[in-house]
């Protein structure tokens, strides 16, 4: 809740690369803190 932007993701693929695995994910929804929107509705991050 305290984060200004919450990006909801669903994993589409996992690539094994070595020390790390890469999770590729599609963004399915984004929650934005209303206080960061100006009068025109533009995000002022």
ModelCIF file with pLDDT and N, C-alpha, C, O atoms, coordinates in Angstrom:
data_MODEL
#
_entry.id   MODEL 
#
_entity.id                         1 
_entity.type                       polymer 
_entity.pdbx_number_of_molecules   1 
#
_entity_poly.entity_id                      1 
_entity_poly.type                           'polypeptide(L)' 
_entity_poly.nstd_linkage                   no 
_entity_poly.nstd_monomer                   no 
_entity_poly.pdbx_seq_one_letter_code       
;(UNK)(UNK)(UNK)(UNK)(UNK)(UNK)(UNK)(UNK)(UNK)(UNK)(UNK)(UNK)(UNK)(UNK)(UNK)(UNK)
(UNK)(UNK)(UNK)(UNK)(UNK)(UNK)(UNK)(UNK)(UNK)(UNK)(UNK)(UNK)(UNK)(UNK)(UNK)(UNK)
(UNK)(UNK)(UNK)(UNK)(UNK)(UNK)(UNK)(UNK)(UNK)(UNK)(UNK)(UNK)(UNK)
;
_entity_poly.pdbx_seq_one_letter_code_can   XXXXXXXXXXXXXXXXXXXXXXXXXXXXXXXXXXXXXXXXXXXXX 
_entity_poly.pdbx_strand_id                 A 
#
loop_
_entity_poly_seq.entity_id 
_entity_poly_seq.num 
_entity_poly_seq.mon_id 
_entity_poly_seq.hetero 
1 1  UNK n 
1 2  UNK n 
1 3  UNK n 
1 4  UNK n 
1 5  UNK n 
1 6  UNK n 
1 7  UNK n 
1 8  UNK n 
1 9  UNK n 
1 10 UNK n 
1 11 UNK n 
1 12 UNK n 
1 13 UNK n 
1 14 UNK n 
1 15 UNK n 
1 16 UNK n 
1 17 UNK n 
1 18 UNK n 
1 19 UNK n 
1 20 UNK n 
1 21 UNK n 
1 22 UNK n 
1 23 UNK n 
1 24 UNK n 
1 25 UNK n 
1 26 UNK n 
1 27 UNK n 
1 28 UNK n 
1 29 UNK n 
1 30 UNK n 
1 31 UNK n 
1 32 UNK n 
1 33 UNK n 
1 34 UNK n 
1 35 UNK n 
1 36 UNK n 
1 37 UNK n 
1 38 UNK n 
1 39 UNK n 
1 40 UNK n 
1 41 UNK n 
1 42 UNK n 
1 43 UNK n 
1 44 UNK n 
1 45 UNK n 
#
_struct_asym.id          A 
_struct_asym.entity_id   1 
#
loop_
_ma_qa_metric.id 
_ma_qa_metric.mode 
_ma_qa_metric.name 
_ma_qa_metric.software_group_id 
_ma_qa_metric.type 
1 global pLDDT . pLDDT 
2 local  pLDDT . pLDDT 
#
_ma_qa_metric_global.metric_id      1 
_ma_qa_metric_global.metric_value   96.49 
_ma_qa_metric_global.model_id       1 
_ma_qa_metric_global.ordinal_id     1 
#
loop_
_ma_qa_metric_local.label_asym_id 
_ma_qa_metric_local.label_comp_id 
_ma_qa_metric_local.label_seq_id 
_ma_qa_metric_local.metric_id 
_ma_qa_metric_local.metric_value 
_ma_qa_metric_local.model_id 
_ma_qa_metric_local.ordinal_id 
A UNK 1  2 98.00 1 1  
A UNK 2  2 98.00 1 2  
A UNK 3  2 98.00 1 3  
A UNK 4  2 97.00 1 4  
A UNK 5  2 98.00 1 5  
A UNK 6  2 98.00 1 6  
A UNK 7  2 98.00 1 7  
A UNK 8  2 98.00 1 8  
A UNK 9  2 98.00 1 9  
A UNK 10 2 98.00 1 10 
A UNK 11 2 98.00 1 11 
A UNK 12 2 98.00 1 12 
A UNK 13 2 98.00 1 13 
A UNK 14 2 98.00 1 14 
A UNK 15 2 98.00 1 15 
A UNK 16 2 97.00 1 16 
A UNK 17 2 96.00 1 17 
A UNK 18 2 95.00 1 18 
A UNK 19 2 95.00 1 19 
A UNK 20 2 97.00 1 20 
A UNK 21 2 98.00 1 21 
A UNK 22 2 98.00 1 22 
A UNK 23 2 98.00 1 23 
A UNK 24 2 98.00 1 24 
A UNK 25 2 98.00 1 25 
A UNK 26 2 98.00 1 26 
A UNK 27 2 98.00 1 27 
A UNK 28 2 98.00 1 28 
A UNK 29 2 98.00 1 29 
A UNK 30 2 98.00 1 30 
A UNK 31 2 97.00 1 31 
A UNK 32 2 97.00 1 32 
A UNK 33 2 96.00 1 33 
A UNK 34 2 95.00 1 34 
A UNK 35 2 94.00 1 35 
A UNK 36 2 94.00 1 36 
A UNK 37 2 95.00 1 37 
A UNK 38 2 94.00 1 38 
A UNK 39 2 94.00 1 39 
A UNK 40 2 94.00 1 40 
A UNK 41 2 93.00 1 41 
A UNK 42 2 93.00 1 42 
A UNK 43 2 93.00 1 43 
A UNK 44 2 92.00 1 44 
A UNK 45 2 92.00 1 45 
#
loop_
_atom_site.group_PDB 
_atom_site.id 
_atom_site.type_symbol 
_atom_site.label_atom_id 
_atom_site.label_alt_id 
_atom_site.label_comp_id 
_atom_site.label_asym_id 
_atom_site.label_entity_id 
_atom_site.label_seq_id 
_atom_site.pdbx_PDB_ins_code 
_atom_site.Cartn_x 
_atom_site.Cartn_y 
_atom_site.Cartn_z 
_atom_site.occupancy 
_atom_site.B_iso_or_equiv 
_atom_site.pdbx_formal_charge 
_atom_site.auth_seq_id 
_atom_site.auth_comp_id 
_atom_site.auth_asym_id 
_atom_site.auth_atom_id 
_atom_site.pdbx_PDB_model_num 
ATOM 1   N N  . UNK A 1 1  ? 0.816  -1.218  0.000   1.00 98.00 ? 1  UNK A N  1 
ATOM 2   C CA . UNK A 1 1  ? 0.000  0.000   0.000   1.00 98.00 ? 1  UNK A CA 1 
ATOM 3   C C  . UNK A 1 1  ? 0.847  1.265   0.000   1.00 98.00 ? 1  UNK A C  1 
ATOM 4   O O  . UNK A 1 1  ? 0.465  2.260   -0.615  1.00 98.00 ? 1  UNK A O  1 
ATOM 5   N N  . UNK A 1 2  ? 1.983  1.244   0.675   1.00 98.00 ? 2  UNK A N  1 
ATOM 6   C CA . UNK A 1 2  ? 2.823  2.439   0.793   1.00 98.00 ? 2  UNK A CA 1 
ATOM 7   C C  . UNK A 1 2  ? 3.601  2.749   -0.484  1.00 98.00 ? 2  UNK A C  1 
ATOM 8   O O  . UNK A 1 2  ? 4.174  3.831   -0.604  1.00 98.00 ? 2  UNK A O  1 
ATOM 9   N N  . UNK A 1 3  ? 3.629  1.841   -1.415  1.00 98.00 ? 3  UNK A N  1 
ATOM 10  C CA . UNK A 1 3  ? 4.329  2.071   -2.686  1.00 98.00 ? 3  UNK A CA 1 
ATOM 11  C C  . UNK A 1 3  ? 3.473  2.960   -3.592  1.00 98.00 ? 3  UNK A C  1 
ATOM 12  O O  . UNK A 1 3  ? 2.255  2.791   -3.635  1.00 98.00 ? 3  UNK A O  1 
ATOM 13  N N  . UNK A 1 4  ? 4.084  3.900   -4.313  1.00 97.00 ? 4  UNK A N  1 
ATOM 14  C CA . UNK A 1 4  ? 3.300  4.783   -5.180  1.00 97.00 ? 4  UNK A CA 1 
ATOM 15  C C  . UNK A 1 4  ? 2.708  4.083   -6.390  1.00 97.00 ? 4  UNK A C  1 
ATOM 16  O O  . UNK A 1 4  ? 1.686  4.521   -6.919  1.00 97.00 ? 4  UNK A O  1 
ATOM 17  N N  . UNK A 1 5  ? 3.336  3.004   -6.836  1.00 98.00 ? 5  UNK A N  1 
ATOM 18  C CA . UNK A 1 5  ? 2.866  2.271   -8.014  1.00 98.00 ? 5  UNK A CA 1 
ATOM 19  C C  . UNK A 1 5  ? 3.019  0.767   -7.768  1.00 98.00 ? 5  UNK A C  1 
ATOM 20  O O  . UNK A 1 5  ? 4.093  0.295   -7.394  1.00 98.00 ? 5  UNK A O  1 
ATOM 21  N N  . UNK A 1 6  ? 1.942  0.034   -7.981  1.00 98.00 ? 6  UNK A N  1 
ATOM 22  C CA . UNK A 1 6  ? 1.943  -1.427  -7.850  1.00 98.00 ? 6  UNK A CA 1 
ATOM 23  C C  . UNK A 1 6  ? 1.686  -2.030  -9.231  1.00 98.00 ? 6  UNK A C  1 
ATOM 24  O O  . UNK A 1 6  ? 0.637  -1.794  -9.829  1.00 98.00 ? 6  UNK A O  1 
ATOM 25  N N  . UNK A 1 7  ? 2.640  -2.802  -9.729  1.00 98.00 ? 7  UNK A N  1 
ATOM 26  C CA . UNK A 1 7  ? 2.558  -3.365  -11.077 1.00 98.00 ? 7  UNK A CA 1 
ATOM 27  C C  . UNK A 1 7  ? 2.283  -4.870  -10.962 1.00 98.00 ? 7  UNK A C  1 
ATOM 28  O O  . UNK A 1 7  ? 3.166  -5.645  -10.595 1.00 98.00 ? 7  UNK A O  1 
ATOM 29  N N  . UNK A 1 8  ? 1.057  -5.267  -11.279 1.00 98.00 ? 8  UNK A N  1 
ATOM 30  C CA . UNK A 1 8  ? 0.659  -6.669  -11.162 1.00 98.00 ? 8  UNK A CA 1 
ATOM 31  C C  . UNK A 1 8  ? 1.129  -7.454  -12.389 1.00 98.00 ? 8  UNK A C  1 
ATOM 32  O O  . UNK A 1 8  ? 0.908  -7.040  -13.527 1.00 98.00 ? 8  UNK A O  1 
ATOM 33  N N  . UNK A 1 9  ? 1.777  -8.585  -12.141 1.00 98.00 ? 9  UNK A N  1 
ATOM 34  C CA . UNK A 1 9  ? 2.429  -9.323  -13.224 1.00 98.00 ? 9  UNK A CA 1 
ATOM 35  C C  . UNK A 1 9  ? 2.104  -10.810 -13.185 1.00 98.00 ? 9  UNK A C  1 
ATOM 36  O O  . UNK A 1 9  ? 1.928  -11.399 -12.119 1.00 98.00 ? 9  UNK A O  1 
ATOM 37  N N  . UNK A 1 10 ? 2.028  -11.410 -14.393 1.00 98.00 ? 10 UNK A N  1 
ATOM 38  C CA . UNK A 1 10 ? 1.899  -12.856 -14.533 1.00 98.00 ? 10 UNK A CA 1 
ATOM 39  C C  . UNK A 1 10 ? 3.090  -13.371 -15.319 1.00 98.00 ? 10 UNK A C  1 
ATOM 40  O O  . UNK A 1 10 ? 3.401  -12.860 -16.395 1.00 98.00 ? 10 UNK A O  1 
ATOM 41  N N  . UNK A 1 11 ? 3.749  -14.374 -14.785 1.00 98.00 ? 11 UNK A N  1 
ATOM 42  C CA . UNK A 1 11 ? 4.951  -14.936 -15.405 1.00 98.00 ? 11 UNK A CA 1 
ATOM 43  C C  . UNK A 1 11 ? 4.586  -15.654 -16.701 1.00 98.00 ? 11 UNK A C  1 
ATOM 44  O O  . UNK A 1 11 ? 3.644  -16.445 -16.739 1.00 98.00 ? 11 UNK A O  1 
ATOM 45  N N  . UNK A 1 12 ? 5.338  -15.369 -17.756 1.00 98.00 ? 12 UNK A N  1 
ATOM 46  C CA . UNK A 1 12 ? 5.124  -16.029 -19.043 1.00 98.00 ? 12 UNK A CA 1 
ATOM 47  C C  . UNK A 1 12 ? 6.248  -17.002 -19.384 1.00 98.00 ? 12 UNK A C  1 
ATOM 48  O O  . UNK A 1 12 ? 6.054  -17.947 -20.148 1.00 98.00 ? 12 UNK A O  1 
ATOM 49  N N  . UNK A 1 13 ? 7.426  -16.759 -18.808 1.00 98.00 ? 13 UNK A N  1 
ATOM 50  C CA . UNK A 1 13 ? 8.572  -17.606 -19.139 1.00 98.00 ? 13 UNK A CA 1 
ATOM 51  C C  . UNK A 1 13 ? 9.660  -17.434 -18.084 1.00 98.00 ? 13 UNK A C  1 
ATOM 52  O O  . UNK A 1 13 ? 9.827  -16.352 -17.521 1.00 98.00 ? 13 UNK A O  1 
ATOM 53  N N  . UNK A 1 14 ? 10.393 -18.507 -17.824 1.00 98.00 ? 14 UNK A N  1 
ATOM 54  C CA . UNK A 1 14 ? 11.540 -18.448 -16.919 1.00 98.00 ? 14 UNK A CA 1 
ATOM 55  C C  . UNK A 1 14 ? 12.768 -18.931 -17.680 1.00 98.00 ? 14 UNK A C  1 
ATOM 56  O O  . UNK A 1 14 ? 12.795 -20.052 -18.186 1.00 98.00 ? 14 UNK A O  1 
ATOM 57  N N  . UNK A 1 15 ? 13.781 -18.077 -17.756 1.00 98.00 ? 15 UNK A N  1 
ATOM 58  C CA . UNK A 1 15 ? 15.007 -18.415 -18.467 1.00 98.00 ? 15 UNK A CA 1 
ATOM 59  C C  . UNK A 1 15 ? 16.136 -18.650 -17.468 1.00 98.00 ? 15 UNK A C  1 
ATOM 60  O O  . UNK A 1 15 ? 16.447 -17.776 -16.659 1.00 98.00 ? 15 UNK A O  1 
ATOM 61  N N  . UNK A 1 16 ? 16.742 -19.821 -17.526 1.00 97.00 ? 16 UNK A N  1 
ATOM 62  C CA . UNK A 1 16 ? 17.872 -20.127 -16.659 1.00 97.00 ? 16 UNK A CA 1 
ATOM 63  C C  . UNK A 1 16 ? 19.142 -19.580 -17.309 1.00 97.00 ? 16 UNK A C  1 
ATOM 64  O O  . UNK A 1 16 ? 19.486 -19.964 -18.427 1.00 97.00 ? 16 UNK A O  1 
ATOM 65  N N  . UNK A 1 17 ? 19.838 -18.681 -16.608 1.00 96.00 ? 17 UNK A N  1 
ATOM 66  C CA . UNK A 1 17 ? 20.965 -17.974 -17.219 1.00 96.00 ? 17 UNK A CA 1 
ATOM 67  C C  . UNK A 1 17 ? 22.304 -18.248 -16.548 1.00 96.00 ? 17 UNK A C  1 
ATOM 68  O O  . UNK A 1 17 ? 23.348 -17.975 -17.141 1.00 96.00 ? 17 UNK A O  1 
ATOM 69  N N  . UNK A 1 18 ? 22.303 -18.775 -15.342 1.00 95.00 ? 18 UNK A N  1 
ATOM 70  C CA . UNK A 1 18 ? 23.555 -18.982 -14.608 1.00 95.00 ? 18 UNK A CA 1 
ATOM 71  C C  . UNK A 1 18 ? 23.320 -18.690 -13.149 1.00 95.00 ? 18 UNK A C  1 
ATOM 72  O O  . UNK A 1 18 ? 22.614 -19.435 -12.470 1.00 95.00 ? 18 UNK A O  1 
ATOM 73  N N  . UNK A 1 19 ? 23.908 -17.605 -12.652 1.00 95.00 ? 19 UNK A N  1 
ATOM 74  C CA . UNK A 1 19 ? 23.735 -17.256 -11.240 1.00 95.00 ? 19 UNK A CA 1 
ATOM 75  C C  . UNK A 1 19 ? 22.292 -16.889 -10.920 1.00 95.00 ? 19 UNK A C  1 
ATOM 76  O O  . UNK A 1 19 ? 21.836 -17.075 -9.791  1.00 95.00 ? 19 UNK A O  1 
ATOM 77  N N  . UNK A 1 20 ? 21.565 -16.362 -11.925 1.00 97.00 ? 20 UNK A N  1 
ATOM 78  C CA . UNK A 1 20 ? 20.176 -15.938 -11.752 1.00 97.00 ? 20 UNK A CA 1 
ATOM 79  C C  . UNK A 1 20 ? 19.294 -16.557 -12.835 1.00 97.00 ? 20 UNK A C  1 
ATOM 80  O O  . UNK A 1 20 ? 19.757 -16.909 -13.919 1.00 97.00 ? 20 UNK A O  1 
ATOM 81  N N  . UNK A 1 21 ? 18.026 -16.676 -12.508 1.00 98.00 ? 21 UNK A N  1 
ATOM 82  C CA . UNK A 1 21 ? 17.021 -17.011 -13.510 1.00 98.00 ? 21 UNK A CA 1 
ATOM 83  C C  . UNK A 1 21 ? 16.226 -15.752 -13.827 1.00 98.00 ? 21 UNK A C  1 
ATOM 84  O O  . UNK A 1 21 ? 15.928 -14.950 -12.942 1.00 98.00 ? 21 UNK A O  1 
ATOM 85  N N  . UNK A 1 22 ? 15.893 -15.592 -15.089 1.00 98.00 ? 22 UNK A N  1 
ATOM 86  C CA . UNK A 1 22 ? 15.160 -14.413 -15.541 1.00 98.00 ? 22 UNK A CA 1 
ATOM 87  C C  . UNK A 1 22 ? 13.676 -14.752 -15.670 1.00 98.00 ? 22 UNK A C  1 
ATOM 88  O O  . UNK A 1 22 ? 13.295 -15.629 -16.444 1.00 98.00 ? 22 UNK A O  1 
ATOM 89  N N  . UNK A 1 23 ? 12.855 -14.055 -14.912 1.00 98.00 ? 23 UNK A N  1 
ATOM 90  C CA . UNK A 1 23 ? 11.411 -14.210 -14.994 1.00 98.00 ? 23 UNK A CA 1 
ATOM 91  C C  . UNK A 1 23 ? 10.857 -13.145 -15.950 1.00 98.00 ? 23 UNK A C  1 
ATOM 92  O O  . UNK A 1 23 ? 10.960 -11.950 -15.671 1.00 98.00 ? 23 UNK A O  1 
ATOM 93  N N  . UNK A 1 24 ? 10.282 -13.567 -17.055 1.00 98.00 ? 24 UNK A N  1 
ATOM 94  C CA . UNK A 1 24 ? 9.603  -12.659 -17.965 1.00 98.00 ? 24 UNK A CA 1 
ATOM 95  C C  . UNK A 1 24 ? 8.129  -12.659 -17.593 1.00 98.00 ? 24 UNK A C  1 
ATOM 96  O O  . UNK A 1 24 ? 7.549  -13.720 -17.363 1.00 98.00 ? 24 UNK A O  1 
ATOM 97  N N  . UNK A 1 25 ? 7.525  -11.495 -17.532 1.00 98.00 ? 25 UNK A N  1 
ATOM 98  C CA . UNK A 1 25 ? 6.141  -11.426 -17.064 1.00 98.00 ? 25 UNK A CA 1 
ATOM 99  C C  . UNK A 1 25 ? 5.351  -10.348 -17.797 1.00 98.00 ? 25 UNK A C  1 
ATOM 100 O O  . UNK A 1 25 ? 5.885  -9.304  -18.170 1.00 98.00 ? 25 UNK A O  1 
ATOM 101 N N  . UNK A 1 26 ? 4.078  -10.626 -17.990 1.00 98.00 ? 26 UNK A N  1 
ATOM 102 C CA . UNK A 1 26 ? 3.182  -9.652  -18.603 1.00 98.00 ? 26 UNK A CA 1 
ATOM 103 C C  . UNK A 1 26 ? 2.510  -8.826  -17.522 1.00 98.00 ? 26 UNK A C  1 
ATOM 104 O O  . UNK A 1 26 ? 2.039  -9.365  -16.521 1.00 98.00 ? 26 UNK A O  1 
ATOM 105 N N  . UNK A 1 27 ? 2.468  -7.522  -17.725 1.00 98.00 ? 27 UNK A N  1 
ATOM 106 C CA . UNK A 1 27 ? 1.779  -6.627  -16.801 1.00 98.00 ? 27 UNK A CA 1 
ATOM 107 C C  . UNK A 1 27 ? 0.280  -6.728  -17.068 1.00 98.00 ? 27 UNK A C  1 
ATOM 108 O O  . UNK A 1 27 ? -0.174 -6.502  -18.190 1.00 98.00 ? 27 UNK A O  1 
ATOM 109 N N  . UNK A 1 28 ? -0.485 -7.070  -16.030 1.00 98.00 ? 28 UNK A N  1 
ATOM 110 C CA . UNK A 1 28 ? -1.928 -7.243  -16.214 1.00 98.00 ? 28 UNK A CA 1 
ATOM 111 C C  . UNK A 1 28 ? -2.747 -6.123  -15.588 1.00 98.00 ? 28 UNK A C  1 
ATOM 112 O O  . UNK A 1 28 ? -3.914 -5.937  -15.933 1.00 98.00 ? 28 UNK A O  1 
ATOM 113 N N  . UNK A 1 29 ? -2.140 -5.374  -14.664 1.00 98.00 ? 29 UNK A N  1 
ATOM 114 C CA . UNK A 1 29 ? -2.837 -4.247  -14.052 1.00 98.00 ? 29 UNK A CA 1 
ATOM 115 C C  . UNK A 1 29 ? -1.824 -3.370  -13.332 1.00 98.00 ? 29 UNK A C  1 
ATOM 116 O O  . UNK A 1 29 ? -0.774 -3.851  -12.906 1.00 98.00 ? 29 UNK A O  1 
ATOM 117 N N  . UNK A 1 30 ? -2.135 -2.091  -13.197 1.00 98.00 ? 30 UNK A N  1 
ATOM 118 C CA . UNK A 1 30 ? -1.252 -1.152  -12.508 1.00 98.00 ? 30 UNK A CA 1 
ATOM 119 C C  . UNK A 1 30 ? -2.072 -0.299  -11.545 1.00 98.00 ? 30 UNK A C  1 
ATOM 120 O O  . UNK A 1 30 ? -3.049 0.335   -11.944 1.00 98.00 ? 30 UNK A O  1 
ATOM 121 N N  . UNK A 1 31 ? -1.671 -0.287  -10.286 1.00 97.00 ? 31 UNK A N  1 
ATOM 122 C CA . UNK A 1 31 ? -2.315 0.569   -9.292  1.00 97.00 ? 31 UNK A CA 1 
ATOM 123 C C  . UNK A 1 31 ? -1.460 1.790   -9.032  1.00 97.00 ? 31 UNK A C  1 
ATOM 124 O O  . UNK A 1 31 ? -0.260 1.668   -8.787  1.00 97.00 ? 31 UNK A O  1 
ATOM 125 N N  . UNK A 1 32 ? -2.069 2.977   -9.082  1.00 97.00 ? 32 UNK A N  1 
ATOM 126 C CA . UNK A 1 32 ? -1.334 4.238   -8.944  1.00 97.00 ? 32 UNK A CA 1 
ATOM 127 C C  . UNK A 1 32 ? -1.923 5.056   -7.792  1.00 97.00 ? 32 UNK A C  1 
ATOM 128 O O  . UNK A 1 32 ? -3.143 5.157   -7.663  1.00 97.00 ? 32 UNK A O  1 
ATOM 129 N N  . UNK A 1 33 ? -1.080 5.627   -6.974  1.00 96.00 ? 33 UNK A N  1 
ATOM 130 C CA . UNK A 1 33 ? -1.511 6.460   -5.858  1.00 96.00 ? 33 UNK A CA 1 
ATOM 131 C C  . UNK A 1 33 ? -2.182 7.729   -6.393  1.00 96.00 ? 33 UNK A C  1 
ATOM 132 O O  . UNK A 1 33 ? -1.580 8.492   -7.148  1.00 96.00 ? 33 UNK A O  1 
ATOM 133 N N  . UNK A 1 34 ? -3.423 7.937   -5.994  1.00 95.00 ? 34 UNK A N  1 
ATOM 134 C CA . UNK A 1 34 ? -4.208 9.051   -6.532  1.00 95.00 ? 34 UNK A CA 1 
ATOM 135 C C  . UNK A 1 34 ? -3.589 10.409  -6.220  1.00 95.00 ? 34 UNK A C  1 
ATOM 136 O O  . UNK A 1 34 ? -3.746 11.351  -6.997  1.00 95.00 ? 34 UNK A O  1 
ATOM 137 N N  . UNK A 1 35 ? -2.892 10.522  -5.102  1.00 94.00 ? 35 UNK A N  1 
ATOM 138 C CA . UNK A 1 35 ? -2.288 11.803  -4.712  1.00 94.00 ? 35 UNK A CA 1 
ATOM 139 C C  . UNK A 1 35 ? -1.222 12.264  -5.689  1.00 94.00 ? 35 UNK A C  1 
ATOM 140 O O  . UNK A 1 35 ? -0.841 13.435  -5.684  1.00 94.00 ? 35 UNK A O  1 
ATOM 141 N N  . UNK A 1 36 ? -0.736 11.354  -6.531  1.00 94.00 ? 36 UNK A N  1 
ATOM 142 C CA . UNK A 1 36 ? 0.305  11.701  -7.498  1.00 94.00 ? 36 UNK A CA 1 
ATOM 143 C C  . UNK A 1 36 ? -0.268 12.140  -8.843  1.00 94.00 ? 36 UNK A C  1 
ATOM 144 O O  . UNK A 1 36 ? 0.488  12.419  -9.773  1.00 94.00 ? 36 UNK A O  1 
ATOM 145 N N  . UNK A 1 37 ? -1.580 12.202  -8.954  1.00 95.00 ? 37 UNK A N  1 
ATOM 146 C CA . UNK A 1 37 ? -2.212 12.658  -10.193 1.00 95.00 ? 37 UNK A CA 1 
ATOM 147 C C  . UNK A 1 37 ? -2.493 14.150  -10.113 1.00 95.00 ? 37 UNK A C  1 
ATOM 148 O O  . UNK A 1 37 ? -2.964 14.638  -9.086  1.00 95.00 ? 37 UNK A O  1 
ATOM 149 N N  . UNK A 1 38 ? -2.203 14.886  -11.200 1.00 94.00 ? 38 UNK A N  1 
ATOM 150 C CA . UNK A 1 38 ? -2.497 16.314  -11.204 1.00 94.00 ? 38 UNK A CA 1 
ATOM 151 C C  . UNK A 1 38 ? -3.945 16.544  -11.620 1.00 94.00 ? 38 UNK A C  1 
ATOM 152 O O  . UNK A 1 38 ? -4.698 15.588  -11.802 1.00 94.00 ? 38 UNK A O  1 
ATOM 153 N N  . UNK A 1 39 ? -4.338 17.807  -11.770 1.00 94.00 ? 39 UNK A N  1 
ATOM 154 C CA . UNK A 1 39 ? -5.727 18.144  -12.058 1.00 94.00 ? 39 UNK A CA 1 
ATOM 155 C C  . UNK A 1 39 ? -6.217 17.540  -13.370 1.00 94.00 ? 39 UNK A C  1 
ATOM 156 O O  . UNK A 1 39 ? -7.411 17.284  -13.526 1.00 94.00 ? 39 UNK A O  1 
ATOM 157 N N  . UNK A 1 40 ? -5.302 17.309  -14.315 1.00 94.00 ? 40 UNK A N  1 
ATOM 158 C CA . UNK A 1 40 ? -5.686 16.742  -15.609 1.00 94.00 ? 40 UNK A CA 1 
ATOM 159 C C  . UNK A 1 40 ? -5.644 15.210  -15.611 1.00 94.00 ? 40 UNK A C  1 
ATOM 160 O O  . UNK A 1 40 ? -5.943 14.576  -16.623 1.00 94.00 ? 40 UNK A O  1 
ATOM 161 N N  . UNK A 1 41 ? -5.270 14.620  -14.463 1.00 93.00 ? 41 UNK A N  1 
ATOM 162 C CA . UNK A 1 41 ? -5.190 13.164  -14.370 1.00 93.00 ? 41 UNK A CA 1 
ATOM 163 C C  . UNK A 1 41 ? -3.850 12.586  -14.786 1.00 93.00 ? 41 UNK A C  1 
ATOM 164 O O  . UNK A 1 41 ? -3.696 11.367  -14.861 1.00 93.00 ? 41 UNK A O  1 
ATOM 165 N N  . UNK A 1 42 ? -2.874 13.454  -15.059 1.00 93.00 ? 42 UNK A N  1 
ATOM 166 C CA . UNK A 1 42 ? -1.548 12.995  -15.459 1.00 93.00 ? 42 UNK A CA 1 
ATOM 167 C C  . UNK A 1 42 ? -0.734 12.574  -14.243 1.00 93.00 ? 42 UNK A C  1 
ATOM 168 O O  . UNK A 1 42 ? -0.750 13.257  -13.219 1.00 93.00 ? 42 UNK A O  1 
ATOM 169 N N  . UNK A 1 43 ? -0.026 11.456  -14.347 1.00 93.00 ? 43 UNK A N  1 
ATOM 170 C CA . UNK A 1 43 ? 0.785  10.955  -13.248 1.00 93.00 ? 43 UNK A CA 1 
ATOM 171 C C  . UNK A 1 43 ? 2.045  11.801  -13.086 1.00 93.00 ? 43 UNK A C  1 
ATOM 172 O O  . UNK A 1 43 ? 2.804  11.989  -14.037 1.00 93.00 ? 43 UNK A O  1 
ATOM 173 N N  . UNK A 1 44 ? 2.258  12.305  -11.882 1.00 92.00 ? 44 UNK A N  1 
ATOM 174 C CA . UNK A 1 44 ? 3.452  13.079  -11.547 1.00 92.00 ? 44 UNK A CA 1 
ATOM 175 C C  . UNK A 1 44 ? 4.298  12.250  -10.578 1.00 92.00 ? 44 UNK A C  1 
ATOM 176 O O  . UNK A 1 44 ? 4.374  12.551  -9.387  1.00 92.00 ? 44 UNK A O  1 
ATOM 177 N N  . UNK A 1 45 ? 4.923  11.216  -11.104 1.00 92.00 ? 45 UNK A N  1 
ATOM 178 C CA . UNK A 1 45 ? 5.641  10.256  -10.282 1.00 92.00 ? 45 UNK A CA 1 
ATOM 179 C C  . UNK A 1 45 ? 6.845  10.872  -9.577  1.00 92.00 ? 45 UNK A C  1 
ATOM 180 O O  . UNK A 1 45 ? 7.552  10.180  -8.844  1.00 92.00 ? 45 UNK A O  1 
#
